[in-house]
């Protein structure tokens, strides 16, 4: 993991115009950044270690959207958006507790979505079938339908759904003090993000 991290940081420092040909593509930088994130994420908890490598990699692709260093490496004109909370500004979110929230949202608002592991497996199966097509012009790339892996990645509407899910979960886990504490911490984050992403407040401020 440490070796991967050093490689990624060196690549980001060199930038896309580096003299070393191996690091001069955005795809290579993304693969290295995802690998670093996946190593750290799988080591972070027993809950994340139970996930497939493919699912963790998909989650890490989401996390990169709010990684300032990575975004700067991909876009020289990158500017932080005032309505987004980037990774270096975020409070801790318990992944297992958050998965309960997104599962409630999936069941209520996206019943046609499969559970995350099944979505990843289905996408991999479809992509393998596409790769077998001789005519490359007919090939399609399938991505798993996954909900945001963090409240910081949600839009205003999804955050409202999260509040509803959290209310129900706090009642469901009313006898579990530890889980209620985790859900309460997430509620604070969700409420703060809702205020930050409120389209009416944003128009008045900017």
N, C-alpha and C. Protein backbone atom coordinates (compact mmCIF):
# COMPACT_ATOMS: atom_id res chain seq x y z
N UNK A 1 0.83 -1.21 0.00
CA UNK A 1 0.00 0.00 0.00
C UNK A 1 0.86 1.26 0.00
N UNK A 2 1.92 1.27 0.86
CA UNK A 2 2.78 2.44 0.92
C UNK A 2 3.50 2.66 -0.40
N UNK A 3 3.91 1.55 -1.05
CA UNK A 3 4.58 1.67 -2.34
C UNK A 3 3.64 2.26 -3.38
N UNK A 4 2.39 1.78 -3.36
CA UNK A 4 1.40 2.30 -4.31
C UNK A 4 1.17 3.78 -4.07
N UNK A 5 1.07 4.18 -2.80
CA UNK A 5 0.83 5.59 -2.49
C UNK A 5 1.97 6.47 -2.99
N UNK A 6 3.20 6.03 -2.78
CA UNK A 6 4.34 6.82 -3.24
C UNK A 6 4.33 6.96 -4.75
N UNK A 7 3.95 5.87 -5.43
CA UNK A 7 3.90 5.91 -6.90
C UNK A 7 2.86 6.89 -7.37
N UNK A 8 1.67 6.87 -6.74
CA UNK A 8 0.59 7.77 -7.12
C UNK A 8 0.98 9.22 -6.86
N UNK A 9 1.53 9.49 -5.69
CA UNK A 9 1.90 10.86 -5.37
C UNK A 9 2.97 11.38 -6.32
N UNK A 10 3.91 10.51 -6.69
CA UNK A 10 4.94 10.93 -7.64
C UNK A 10 4.33 11.24 -8.99
N UNK A 11 3.38 10.41 -9.39
CA UNK A 11 2.73 10.64 -10.69
C UNK A 11 1.94 11.94 -10.68
N UNK A 12 1.24 12.19 -9.60
CA UNK A 12 0.46 13.42 -9.52
C UNK A 12 1.37 14.65 -9.50
N UNK A 13 2.51 14.52 -8.82
CA UNK A 13 3.44 15.64 -8.74
C UNK A 13 4.03 15.95 -10.12
N UNK A 14 4.30 14.91 -10.88
CA UNK A 14 4.86 15.12 -12.22
C UNK A 14 3.85 15.72 -13.17
N UNK A 15 2.57 15.36 -12.96
CA UNK A 15 1.50 15.90 -13.80
C UNK A 15 1.41 15.20 -15.13
N UNK A 16 0.43 15.62 -15.91
CA UNK A 16 0.15 14.96 -17.18
C UNK A 16 1.21 15.27 -18.24
N UNK A 17 2.02 16.31 -18.01
CA UNK A 17 3.04 16.66 -18.99
C UNK A 17 4.40 16.08 -18.61
N UNK A 18 4.42 15.07 -17.78
CA UNK A 18 5.68 14.51 -17.31
C UNK A 18 6.51 13.95 -18.46
N UNK A 19 7.82 13.86 -18.21
CA UNK A 19 8.70 13.33 -19.23
C UNK A 19 8.63 11.81 -19.29
N UNK A 20 8.22 11.17 -18.20
CA UNK A 20 8.17 9.71 -18.17
C UNK A 20 6.91 9.27 -18.91
N UNK A 21 7.05 8.57 -20.04
CA UNK A 21 5.90 8.21 -20.87
C UNK A 21 4.85 7.39 -20.11
N UNK A 22 5.28 6.56 -19.16
CA UNK A 22 4.34 5.68 -18.46
C UNK A 22 3.26 6.45 -17.73
N UNK A 23 3.57 7.67 -17.29
CA UNK A 23 2.61 8.42 -16.47
C UNK A 23 1.90 9.55 -17.24
N UNK A 24 1.99 9.53 -18.57
CA UNK A 24 1.46 10.68 -19.29
C UNK A 24 0.01 10.50 -19.73
N UNK A 25 -0.70 9.53 -19.20
CA UNK A 25 -2.11 9.38 -19.57
C UNK A 25 -2.99 9.50 -18.34
N UNK A 26 -4.16 10.08 -18.54
CA UNK A 26 -5.12 10.22 -17.44
C UNK A 26 -5.59 8.86 -16.95
N UNK A 27 -5.73 7.90 -17.86
CA UNK A 27 -6.19 6.57 -17.47
C UNK A 27 -5.22 5.91 -16.50
N UNK A 28 -3.92 6.10 -16.74
CA UNK A 28 -2.92 5.51 -15.85
C UNK A 28 -2.98 6.14 -14.47
N UNK A 29 -3.10 7.46 -14.42
CA UNK A 29 -3.21 8.15 -13.14
C UNK A 29 -4.46 7.70 -12.38
N UNK A 30 -5.56 7.56 -13.10
CA UNK A 30 -6.80 7.13 -12.43
C UNK A 30 -6.65 5.73 -11.88
N UNK A 31 -6.05 4.82 -12.65
CA UNK A 31 -5.87 3.45 -12.19
C UNK A 31 -5.01 3.40 -10.93
N UNK A 32 -3.95 4.21 -10.89
CA UNK A 32 -3.09 4.24 -9.72
C UNK A 32 -3.81 4.83 -8.51
N UNK A 33 -4.57 5.90 -8.73
CA UNK A 33 -5.30 6.53 -7.64
C UNK A 33 -6.38 5.60 -7.08
N UNK A 34 -7.07 4.88 -7.96
CA UNK A 34 -8.09 3.93 -7.52
C UNK A 34 -7.45 2.80 -6.73
N UNK A 35 -6.31 2.32 -7.20
CA UNK A 35 -5.62 1.22 -6.50
C UNK A 35 -5.20 1.65 -5.10
N UNK A 36 -4.67 2.86 -4.98
CA UNK A 36 -4.28 3.37 -3.66
C UNK A 36 -5.47 3.47 -2.73
N UNK A 37 -6.55 4.05 -3.25
CA UNK A 37 -7.77 4.21 -2.45
C UNK A 37 -8.33 2.86 -2.04
N UNK A 38 -8.35 1.90 -2.97
CA UNK A 38 -8.92 0.58 -2.68
C UNK A 38 -8.13 -0.14 -1.60
N UNK A 39 -6.80 -0.04 -1.66
CA UNK A 39 -5.97 -0.66 -0.61
C UNK A 39 -6.32 -0.10 0.76
N UNK A 40 -6.39 1.23 0.84
CA UNK A 40 -6.67 1.88 2.12
C UNK A 40 -8.08 1.57 2.59
N UNK A 41 -9.04 1.55 1.67
CA UNK A 41 -10.44 1.33 2.05
C UNK A 41 -10.66 -0.09 2.55
N UNK A 42 -10.07 -1.06 1.91
CA UNK A 42 -10.25 -2.44 2.35
C UNK A 42 -9.58 -2.69 3.70
N UNK A 43 -8.55 -1.93 4.01
CA UNK A 43 -7.86 -2.07 5.30
C UNK A 43 -8.55 -1.28 6.42
N UNK A 44 -9.54 -0.45 6.07
CA UNK A 44 -10.10 0.48 7.04
C UNK A 44 -11.07 -0.16 8.03
N UNK A 45 -11.71 -1.26 7.66
CA UNK A 45 -12.69 -1.87 8.57
C UNK A 45 -13.02 -3.29 8.12
N UNK A 46 -13.54 -4.09 9.06
CA UNK A 46 -13.97 -5.45 8.72
C UNK A 46 -15.12 -5.41 7.72
N UNK A 47 -15.97 -4.39 7.84
CA UNK A 47 -17.10 -4.25 6.91
C UNK A 47 -16.61 -4.09 5.48
N UNK A 48 -15.61 -3.24 5.26
CA UNK A 48 -15.11 -3.04 3.91
C UNK A 48 -14.29 -4.23 3.41
N UNK A 49 -13.67 -4.97 4.32
CA UNK A 49 -12.92 -6.16 3.89
C UNK A 49 -13.85 -7.25 3.37
N UNK A 50 -15.10 -7.23 3.78
CA UNK A 50 -16.05 -8.24 3.31
C UNK A 50 -16.55 -7.95 1.88
N UNK A 51 -16.28 -6.77 1.38
CA UNK A 51 -16.72 -6.41 0.03
C UNK A 51 -15.77 -7.00 -1.01
N UNK A 52 -16.29 -7.18 -2.21
CA UNK A 52 -15.43 -7.63 -3.31
C UNK A 52 -14.48 -6.51 -3.71
N UNK A 53 -13.36 -6.90 -4.30
CA UNK A 53 -12.38 -5.92 -4.77
C UNK A 53 -13.01 -5.00 -5.81
N UNK A 54 -13.84 -5.59 -6.66
CA UNK A 54 -14.47 -4.80 -7.74
C UNK A 54 -15.40 -3.73 -7.19
N UNK A 55 -16.17 -4.06 -6.14
CA UNK A 55 -17.07 -3.07 -5.55
C UNK A 55 -16.28 -1.94 -4.90
N UNK A 56 -15.23 -2.28 -4.18
CA UNK A 56 -14.41 -1.25 -3.52
C UNK A 56 -13.79 -0.33 -4.57
N UNK A 57 -13.36 -0.89 -5.67
CA UNK A 57 -12.79 -0.05 -6.74
C UNK A 57 -13.83 0.91 -7.30
N UNK A 58 -15.06 0.43 -7.47
CA UNK A 58 -16.13 1.31 -7.94
C UNK A 58 -16.40 2.43 -6.94
N UNK A 59 -16.37 2.11 -5.67
CA UNK A 59 -16.57 3.13 -4.64
C UNK A 59 -15.45 4.16 -4.67
N UNK A 60 -14.24 3.70 -4.89
CA UNK A 60 -13.10 4.62 -4.93
C UNK A 60 -13.17 5.56 -6.13
N UNK A 61 -13.72 5.09 -7.22
CA UNK A 61 -13.90 5.98 -8.37
C UNK A 61 -14.82 7.15 -8.00
N UNK A 62 -15.79 6.89 -7.13
CA UNK A 62 -16.65 7.97 -6.65
C UNK A 62 -15.87 8.93 -5.76
N UNK A 63 -15.07 8.39 -4.85
CA UNK A 63 -14.31 9.23 -3.93
C UNK A 63 -13.37 10.19 -4.66
N UNK A 64 -12.85 9.76 -5.80
CA UNK A 64 -11.93 10.61 -6.55
C UNK A 64 -12.59 11.88 -7.05
N UNK A 65 -13.92 11.88 -7.16
CA UNK A 65 -14.63 13.06 -7.62
C UNK A 65 -14.44 14.24 -6.67
N UNK A 66 -14.18 13.93 -5.39
CA UNK A 66 -14.01 14.99 -4.40
C UNK A 66 -12.57 15.05 -3.86
N UNK A 67 -11.64 14.51 -4.62
CA UNK A 67 -10.22 14.56 -4.26
C UNK A 67 -9.57 15.71 -5.02
N UNK A 68 -9.20 16.77 -4.32
CA UNK A 68 -8.65 17.97 -4.98
C UNK A 68 -7.40 17.66 -5.80
N UNK A 69 -6.46 16.92 -5.20
CA UNK A 69 -5.21 16.64 -5.90
C UNK A 69 -5.46 15.87 -7.18
N UNK A 70 -6.33 14.87 -7.10
CA UNK A 70 -6.61 14.09 -8.29
C UNK A 70 -7.29 14.94 -9.36
N UNK A 71 -8.26 15.75 -8.96
CA UNK A 71 -8.96 16.59 -9.92
C UNK A 71 -8.03 17.59 -10.58
N UNK A 72 -7.10 18.12 -9.79
CA UNK A 72 -6.13 19.06 -10.38
C UNK A 72 -5.23 18.36 -11.39
N UNK A 73 -4.90 17.10 -11.11
CA UNK A 73 -4.03 16.35 -12.04
C UNK A 73 -4.75 16.06 -13.35
N UNK A 74 -6.07 15.99 -13.31
CA UNK A 74 -6.84 15.69 -14.50
C UNK A 74 -7.28 16.95 -15.26
N UNK A 75 -7.33 18.07 -14.56
CA UNK A 75 -7.82 19.30 -15.17
C UNK A 75 -7.04 20.49 -14.63
N UNK A 76 -6.22 21.08 -15.47
CA UNK A 76 -5.38 22.20 -15.03
C UNK A 76 -6.22 23.42 -14.64
N UNK A 77 -7.44 23.50 -15.15
CA UNK A 77 -8.31 24.63 -14.85
C UNK A 77 -9.25 24.34 -13.69
N UNK A 78 -8.99 23.28 -12.94
CA UNK A 78 -9.88 22.90 -11.83
C UNK A 78 -9.95 24.00 -10.78
N UNK A 79 -11.18 24.27 -10.35
CA UNK A 79 -11.41 25.18 -9.23
C UNK A 79 -12.41 24.52 -8.28
N UNK A 80 -12.11 24.56 -6.99
CA UNK A 80 -13.01 23.96 -6.01
C UNK A 80 -14.36 24.68 -6.05
N UNK A 81 -15.42 23.89 -5.98
CA UNK A 81 -16.77 24.46 -6.01
C UNK A 81 -17.23 24.76 -4.58
N UNK A 82 -17.80 25.92 -4.33
CA UNK A 82 -18.19 26.28 -2.96
C UNK A 82 -19.29 25.40 -2.36
N UNK A 83 -20.04 24.70 -3.20
CA UNK A 83 -21.13 23.87 -2.68
C UNK A 83 -20.70 22.43 -2.40
N UNK A 84 -19.45 22.11 -2.70
CA UNK A 84 -18.95 20.76 -2.49
C UNK A 84 -18.00 20.71 -1.29
N UNK A 85 -18.04 19.60 -0.59
CA UNK A 85 -17.14 19.38 0.54
C UNK A 85 -16.12 18.34 0.11
N UNK A 86 -14.88 18.75 -0.06
CA UNK A 86 -13.86 17.85 -0.59
C UNK A 86 -13.31 16.93 0.51
N UNK A 87 -12.62 15.88 0.06
CA UNK A 87 -12.21 14.82 0.98
C UNK A 87 -11.43 15.33 2.19
N UNK A 88 -10.61 16.36 1.97
CA UNK A 88 -9.78 16.87 3.06
C UNK A 88 -10.58 17.73 4.05
N UNK A 89 -11.86 17.97 3.76
CA UNK A 89 -12.71 18.77 4.65
C UNK A 89 -13.78 17.93 5.34
N UNK A 90 -13.87 16.66 5.00
CA UNK A 90 -15.00 15.84 5.42
C UNK A 90 -14.84 15.28 6.83
N UNK A 91 -15.99 15.16 7.51
CA UNK A 91 -16.04 14.48 8.80
C UNK A 91 -16.14 12.97 8.56
N UNK A 92 -15.84 12.23 9.59
CA UNK A 92 -15.86 10.75 9.47
C UNK A 92 -17.29 10.25 9.26
N UNK A 93 -17.44 9.33 8.31
CA UNK A 93 -18.72 8.67 8.07
C UNK A 93 -18.53 7.17 8.25
N UNK A 94 -19.29 6.56 9.13
CA UNK A 94 -19.19 5.11 9.32
C UNK A 94 -19.79 4.42 8.10
N UNK A 95 -18.98 3.61 7.42
CA UNK A 95 -19.41 3.01 6.16
C UNK A 95 -20.57 2.03 6.33
N UNK A 96 -20.54 1.27 7.41
CA UNK A 96 -21.61 0.28 7.62
C UNK A 96 -22.94 0.98 7.90
N UNK A 97 -22.90 2.02 8.72
CA UNK A 97 -24.13 2.76 9.01
C UNK A 97 -24.65 3.45 7.75
N UNK A 98 -23.73 4.01 6.96
CA UNK A 98 -24.15 4.67 5.72
C UNK A 98 -24.76 3.68 4.74
N UNK A 99 -24.26 2.44 4.73
CA UNK A 99 -24.82 1.43 3.82
C UNK A 99 -26.27 1.13 4.17
N UNK A 100 -26.63 1.24 5.45
CA UNK A 100 -28.03 1.05 5.85
C UNK A 100 -28.91 2.15 5.25
N UNK A 101 -28.35 3.35 5.21
CA UNK A 101 -29.10 4.49 4.65
C UNK A 101 -29.32 4.30 3.16
N UNK A 102 -28.25 3.99 2.44
CA UNK A 102 -28.37 3.85 0.99
C UNK A 102 -29.22 2.64 0.61
N UNK A 103 -29.21 1.62 1.45
CA UNK A 103 -30.06 0.45 1.16
C UNK A 103 -31.53 0.82 1.29
N UNK A 104 -31.86 1.62 2.28
CA UNK A 104 -33.24 2.12 2.42
C UNK A 104 -33.64 2.95 1.20
N UNK A 105 -32.74 3.81 0.77
CA UNK A 105 -33.03 4.64 -0.40
C UNK A 105 -33.20 3.78 -1.64
N UNK A 106 -32.35 2.79 -1.79
CA UNK A 106 -32.45 1.90 -2.96
C UNK A 106 -33.80 1.18 -2.97
N UNK A 107 -34.20 0.64 -1.83
CA UNK A 107 -35.46 -0.10 -1.76
C UNK A 107 -36.67 0.81 -2.02
N UNK A 108 -36.59 2.05 -1.57
CA UNK A 108 -37.72 2.97 -1.68
C UNK A 108 -37.79 3.67 -3.03
N UNK A 109 -36.64 4.17 -3.50
CA UNK A 109 -36.65 5.04 -4.68
C UNK A 109 -36.05 4.38 -5.94
N UNK A 110 -35.28 3.33 -5.76
CA UNK A 110 -34.68 2.65 -6.91
C UNK A 110 -34.88 1.14 -6.80
N UNK A 111 -36.14 0.68 -6.73
CA UNK A 111 -36.38 -0.76 -6.54
C UNK A 111 -35.87 -1.61 -7.70
N UNK A 112 -35.64 -0.99 -8.86
CA UNK A 112 -35.13 -1.72 -10.02
C UNK A 112 -33.61 -1.91 -9.95
N UNK A 113 -32.95 -1.24 -9.01
CA UNK A 113 -31.52 -1.46 -8.81
C UNK A 113 -31.31 -2.75 -8.02
N UNK A 114 -30.26 -3.48 -8.36
CA UNK A 114 -29.87 -4.65 -7.57
C UNK A 114 -28.99 -4.20 -6.40
N UNK A 115 -28.81 -5.04 -5.38
CA UNK A 115 -27.84 -4.71 -4.33
C UNK A 115 -26.46 -4.47 -4.95
N UNK A 116 -25.63 -3.66 -4.32
CA UNK A 116 -24.36 -3.25 -4.92
C UNK A 116 -23.50 -4.38 -5.48
N UNK A 117 -23.29 -5.44 -4.70
CA UNK A 117 -22.45 -6.53 -5.20
C UNK A 117 -23.03 -7.17 -6.46
N UNK A 118 -24.35 -7.29 -6.49
CA UNK A 118 -24.99 -7.88 -7.67
C UNK A 118 -24.91 -6.94 -8.87
N UNK A 119 -25.01 -5.64 -8.61
CA UNK A 119 -24.88 -4.66 -9.70
C UNK A 119 -23.49 -4.75 -10.33
N UNK A 120 -22.47 -4.86 -9.50
CA UNK A 120 -21.09 -4.94 -10.00
C UNK A 120 -20.89 -6.23 -10.79
N UNK A 121 -21.40 -7.34 -10.25
CA UNK A 121 -21.25 -8.63 -10.94
C UNK A 121 -21.96 -8.61 -12.29
N UNK A 122 -23.15 -8.01 -12.34
CA UNK A 122 -23.91 -7.94 -13.59
C UNK A 122 -23.18 -7.08 -14.62
N UNK A 123 -22.65 -5.94 -14.18
CA UNK A 123 -21.91 -5.07 -15.10
C UNK A 123 -20.67 -5.78 -15.63
N UNK A 124 -19.96 -6.51 -14.78
CA UNK A 124 -18.78 -7.25 -15.22
C UNK A 124 -19.15 -8.32 -16.24
N UNK A 125 -20.27 -8.99 -16.00
CA UNK A 125 -20.73 -10.02 -16.93
C UNK A 125 -21.07 -9.42 -18.30
N UNK A 126 -21.79 -8.30 -18.30
CA UNK A 126 -22.16 -7.65 -19.56
C UNK A 126 -20.92 -7.14 -20.30
N UNK A 127 -19.96 -6.59 -19.56
CA UNK A 127 -18.75 -6.08 -20.20
C UNK A 127 -17.92 -7.22 -20.80
N UNK A 128 -17.92 -8.37 -20.14
CA UNK A 128 -17.21 -9.53 -20.69
C UNK A 128 -17.86 -9.98 -22.00
N UNK A 129 -19.18 -9.94 -22.05
CA UNK A 129 -19.89 -10.29 -23.28
C UNK A 129 -19.59 -9.30 -24.39
N UNK A 130 -19.51 -8.01 -24.02
CA UNK A 130 -19.20 -6.98 -25.01
C UNK A 130 -17.79 -7.14 -25.56
N UNK A 131 -16.87 -7.51 -24.69
CA UNK A 131 -15.47 -7.68 -25.12
C UNK A 131 -15.33 -8.81 -26.12
N UNK A 132 -16.27 -9.76 -26.10
CA UNK A 132 -16.21 -10.90 -27.02
C UNK A 132 -16.71 -10.56 -28.42
N UNK A 133 -17.36 -9.41 -28.57
CA UNK A 133 -17.86 -9.00 -29.89
C UNK A 133 -16.70 -8.64 -30.80
N UNK A 134 -16.67 -9.18 -31.98
CA UNK A 134 -15.58 -8.90 -32.91
C UNK A 134 -15.65 -7.48 -33.46
N UNK A 135 -16.87 -7.01 -33.68
CA UNK A 135 -17.06 -5.65 -34.19
C UNK A 135 -16.99 -4.66 -33.04
N UNK A 136 -15.87 -3.94 -32.93
CA UNK A 136 -15.67 -3.00 -31.82
C UNK A 136 -16.69 -1.87 -31.82
N UNK A 137 -17.23 -1.52 -32.97
CA UNK A 137 -18.20 -0.43 -33.05
C UNK A 137 -19.51 -0.78 -32.36
N UNK A 138 -19.74 -2.06 -32.10
CA UNK A 138 -20.98 -2.51 -31.45
C UNK A 138 -20.82 -2.64 -29.94
N UNK A 139 -19.60 -2.52 -29.46
CA UNK A 139 -19.35 -2.72 -28.04
C UNK A 139 -19.87 -1.55 -27.20
N UNK A 140 -20.41 -1.87 -26.04
CA UNK A 140 -20.86 -0.87 -25.08
C UNK A 140 -20.19 -1.12 -23.74
N UNK A 141 -20.05 -0.05 -22.96
CA UNK A 141 -19.45 -0.16 -21.64
C UNK A 141 -20.55 -0.04 -20.59
N UNK A 142 -20.69 -1.05 -19.76
CA UNK A 142 -21.73 -1.06 -18.73
C UNK A 142 -21.14 -0.72 -17.37
N UNK A 143 -21.78 0.19 -16.67
CA UNK A 143 -21.36 0.58 -15.31
C UNK A 143 -22.42 0.13 -14.32
N UNK A 144 -22.02 -0.34 -13.14
CA UNK A 144 -23.01 -0.73 -12.14
C UNK A 144 -23.78 0.48 -11.63
N UNK A 145 -25.05 0.28 -11.34
CA UNK A 145 -25.89 1.36 -10.83
C UNK A 145 -25.74 1.41 -9.31
N UNK A 146 -24.88 2.28 -8.84
CA UNK A 146 -24.58 2.38 -7.41
C UNK A 146 -25.00 3.74 -6.88
N UNK A 147 -25.50 3.75 -5.66
CA UNK A 147 -25.83 5.01 -5.01
C UNK A 147 -24.56 5.64 -4.46
N UNK A 148 -24.59 6.93 -4.15
CA UNK A 148 -23.38 7.59 -3.63
C UNK A 148 -22.82 6.88 -2.39
N UNK A 149 -21.53 6.69 -2.40
CA UNK A 149 -20.87 5.96 -1.33
C UNK A 149 -20.63 6.85 -0.11
N UNK A 150 -21.03 8.10 -0.21
CA UNK A 150 -20.86 9.05 0.89
C UNK A 150 -21.94 10.12 0.80
N UNK A 151 -22.41 10.64 1.92
CA UNK A 151 -23.39 11.73 1.86
C UNK A 151 -22.83 12.97 1.17
N UNK A 152 -21.51 13.12 1.18
CA UNK A 152 -20.88 14.28 0.54
C UNK A 152 -21.02 14.24 -0.98
N UNK A 153 -21.35 13.07 -1.53
CA UNK A 153 -21.50 12.91 -2.97
C UNK A 153 -22.95 13.04 -3.42
N UNK A 154 -23.85 13.27 -2.50
CA UNK A 154 -25.27 13.32 -2.84
C UNK A 154 -25.71 14.72 -3.26
N UNK A 155 -26.77 14.74 -4.07
CA UNK A 155 -27.38 16.01 -4.43
C UNK A 155 -28.45 16.37 -3.40
N UNK A 156 -29.07 17.50 -3.60
CA UNK A 156 -30.03 18.02 -2.61
C UNK A 156 -31.20 17.07 -2.42
N UNK A 157 -31.73 16.53 -3.50
CA UNK A 157 -32.87 15.63 -3.40
C UNK A 157 -32.50 14.34 -2.67
N UNK A 158 -31.34 13.79 -3.01
CA UNK A 158 -30.90 12.55 -2.37
C UNK A 158 -30.65 12.76 -0.88
N UNK A 159 -30.17 13.93 -0.51
CA UNK A 159 -29.96 14.22 0.91
C UNK A 159 -31.28 14.26 1.67
N UNK A 160 -32.35 14.76 1.02
CA UNK A 160 -33.67 14.75 1.65
C UNK A 160 -34.13 13.31 1.86
N UNK A 161 -33.90 12.46 0.88
CA UNK A 161 -34.24 11.04 1.03
C UNK A 161 -33.43 10.42 2.17
N UNK A 162 -32.18 10.85 2.30
CA UNK A 162 -31.33 10.32 3.38
C UNK A 162 -31.89 10.67 4.75
N UNK A 163 -32.39 11.90 4.90
CA UNK A 163 -32.97 12.31 6.18
C UNK A 163 -34.17 11.43 6.53
N UNK A 164 -35.00 11.14 5.55
CA UNK A 164 -36.15 10.25 5.78
C UNK A 164 -35.68 8.86 6.20
N UNK A 165 -34.68 8.34 5.51
CA UNK A 165 -34.16 7.02 5.83
C UNK A 165 -33.54 7.01 7.22
N UNK A 166 -32.83 8.05 7.57
CA UNK A 166 -32.19 8.13 8.89
C UNK A 166 -33.23 8.16 10.01
N UNK A 167 -34.33 8.86 9.78
CA UNK A 167 -35.40 8.89 10.78
C UNK A 167 -35.93 7.49 11.05
N UNK A 168 -36.15 6.73 9.99
CA UNK A 168 -36.67 5.37 10.15
C UNK A 168 -35.64 4.45 10.80
N UNK A 169 -34.38 4.62 10.42
CA UNK A 169 -33.33 3.76 10.96
C UNK A 169 -33.07 4.04 12.43
N UNK A 170 -33.15 5.30 12.83
CA UNK A 170 -32.95 5.60 14.25
C UNK A 170 -34.03 4.94 15.09
N UNK A 171 -35.22 4.88 14.57
CA UNK A 171 -36.30 4.18 15.30
C UNK A 171 -36.05 2.67 15.28
N UNK A 172 -35.63 2.14 14.15
CA UNK A 172 -35.38 0.71 14.04
C UNK A 172 -34.28 0.26 15.00
N UNK A 173 -33.25 1.11 15.16
CA UNK A 173 -32.11 0.76 16.01
C UNK A 173 -32.15 1.50 17.35
N UNK A 174 -33.35 1.79 17.82
CA UNK A 174 -33.49 2.56 19.06
C UNK A 174 -32.89 1.84 20.26
N UNK A 175 -32.78 0.50 20.21
CA UNK A 175 -32.20 -0.25 21.33
C UNK A 175 -30.70 -0.44 21.17
N UNK A 176 -30.14 -0.06 20.04
CA UNK A 176 -28.72 -0.23 19.76
C UNK A 176 -28.05 1.14 19.89
N UNK A 177 -27.51 1.42 21.06
CA UNK A 177 -26.95 2.75 21.33
C UNK A 177 -25.78 3.08 20.40
N UNK A 178 -24.94 2.09 20.11
CA UNK A 178 -23.77 2.32 19.27
C UNK A 178 -24.18 2.71 17.86
N UNK A 179 -25.12 1.96 17.28
CA UNK A 179 -25.56 2.27 15.92
C UNK A 179 -26.33 3.58 15.89
N UNK A 180 -27.11 3.84 16.91
CA UNK A 180 -27.84 5.12 16.95
C UNK A 180 -26.88 6.30 16.96
N UNK A 181 -25.75 6.14 17.65
CA UNK A 181 -24.75 7.20 17.67
C UNK A 181 -24.15 7.43 16.30
N UNK A 182 -23.87 6.35 15.57
CA UNK A 182 -23.32 6.47 14.22
C UNK A 182 -24.32 7.15 13.28
N UNK A 183 -25.59 6.76 13.41
CA UNK A 183 -26.62 7.35 12.56
C UNK A 183 -26.84 8.82 12.90
N UNK A 184 -26.73 9.16 14.19
CA UNK A 184 -26.88 10.55 14.60
C UNK A 184 -25.76 11.41 14.02
N UNK A 185 -24.54 10.89 14.00
CA UNK A 185 -23.41 11.63 13.43
C UNK A 185 -23.62 11.86 11.93
N UNK A 186 -24.14 10.85 11.25
CA UNK A 186 -24.41 11.00 9.82
C UNK A 186 -25.52 12.02 9.60
N UNK A 187 -26.50 12.06 10.49
CA UNK A 187 -27.60 13.03 10.35
C UNK A 187 -27.09 14.46 10.37
N UNK A 188 -26.10 14.73 11.22
CA UNK A 188 -25.52 16.07 11.28
C UNK A 188 -24.85 16.41 9.96
N UNK A 189 -24.11 15.45 9.41
CA UNK A 189 -23.43 15.67 8.13
C UNK A 189 -24.44 15.92 7.02
N UNK A 190 -25.50 15.10 6.98
CA UNK A 190 -26.51 15.23 5.94
C UNK A 190 -27.21 16.59 6.02
N UNK A 191 -27.54 17.01 7.23
CA UNK A 191 -28.20 18.30 7.39
C UNK A 191 -27.29 19.45 6.96
N UNK A 192 -26.02 19.36 7.31
CA UNK A 192 -25.06 20.40 6.89
C UNK A 192 -24.92 20.44 5.37
N UNK A 193 -24.88 19.27 4.76
CA UNK A 193 -24.77 19.20 3.30
C UNK A 193 -26.04 19.72 2.62
N UNK A 194 -27.18 19.46 3.21
CA UNK A 194 -28.44 19.97 2.65
C UNK A 194 -28.44 21.50 2.65
N UNK A 195 -27.99 22.09 3.72
CA UNK A 195 -27.93 23.54 3.78
C UNK A 195 -26.93 24.08 2.75
N UNK A 196 -25.82 23.40 2.62
CA UNK A 196 -24.78 23.84 1.69
C UNK A 196 -25.25 23.74 0.23
N UNK A 197 -26.07 22.74 -0.06
CA UNK A 197 -26.51 22.49 -1.43
C UNK A 197 -27.92 22.97 -1.71
N UNK A 198 -28.51 23.67 -0.75
CA UNK A 198 -29.85 24.22 -0.96
C UNK A 198 -29.80 25.19 -2.13
N UNK A 199 -30.51 24.90 -3.23
CA UNK A 199 -30.41 25.77 -4.41
C UNK A 199 -30.92 27.19 -4.18
N UNK A 200 -31.87 27.37 -3.27
CA UNK A 200 -32.41 28.70 -3.00
C UNK A 200 -31.43 29.54 -2.19
N UNK A 201 -30.81 28.92 -1.18
CA UNK A 201 -29.80 29.64 -0.40
C UNK A 201 -28.61 29.99 -1.27
N UNK A 202 -28.23 29.07 -2.15
CA UNK A 202 -27.06 29.31 -3.01
C UNK A 202 -27.29 30.51 -3.92
N UNK A 203 -28.49 30.62 -4.47
CA UNK A 203 -28.78 31.75 -5.36
C UNK A 203 -28.68 33.08 -4.62
N UNK A 204 -29.11 33.07 -3.35
CA UNK A 204 -29.08 34.32 -2.58
C UNK A 204 -27.65 34.71 -2.22
N UNK A 205 -26.80 33.70 -1.98
CA UNK A 205 -25.42 33.98 -1.58
C UNK A 205 -24.54 34.36 -2.75
N UNK A 206 -24.80 33.75 -3.91
CA UNK A 206 -23.89 33.95 -5.05
C UNK A 206 -24.64 34.58 -6.22
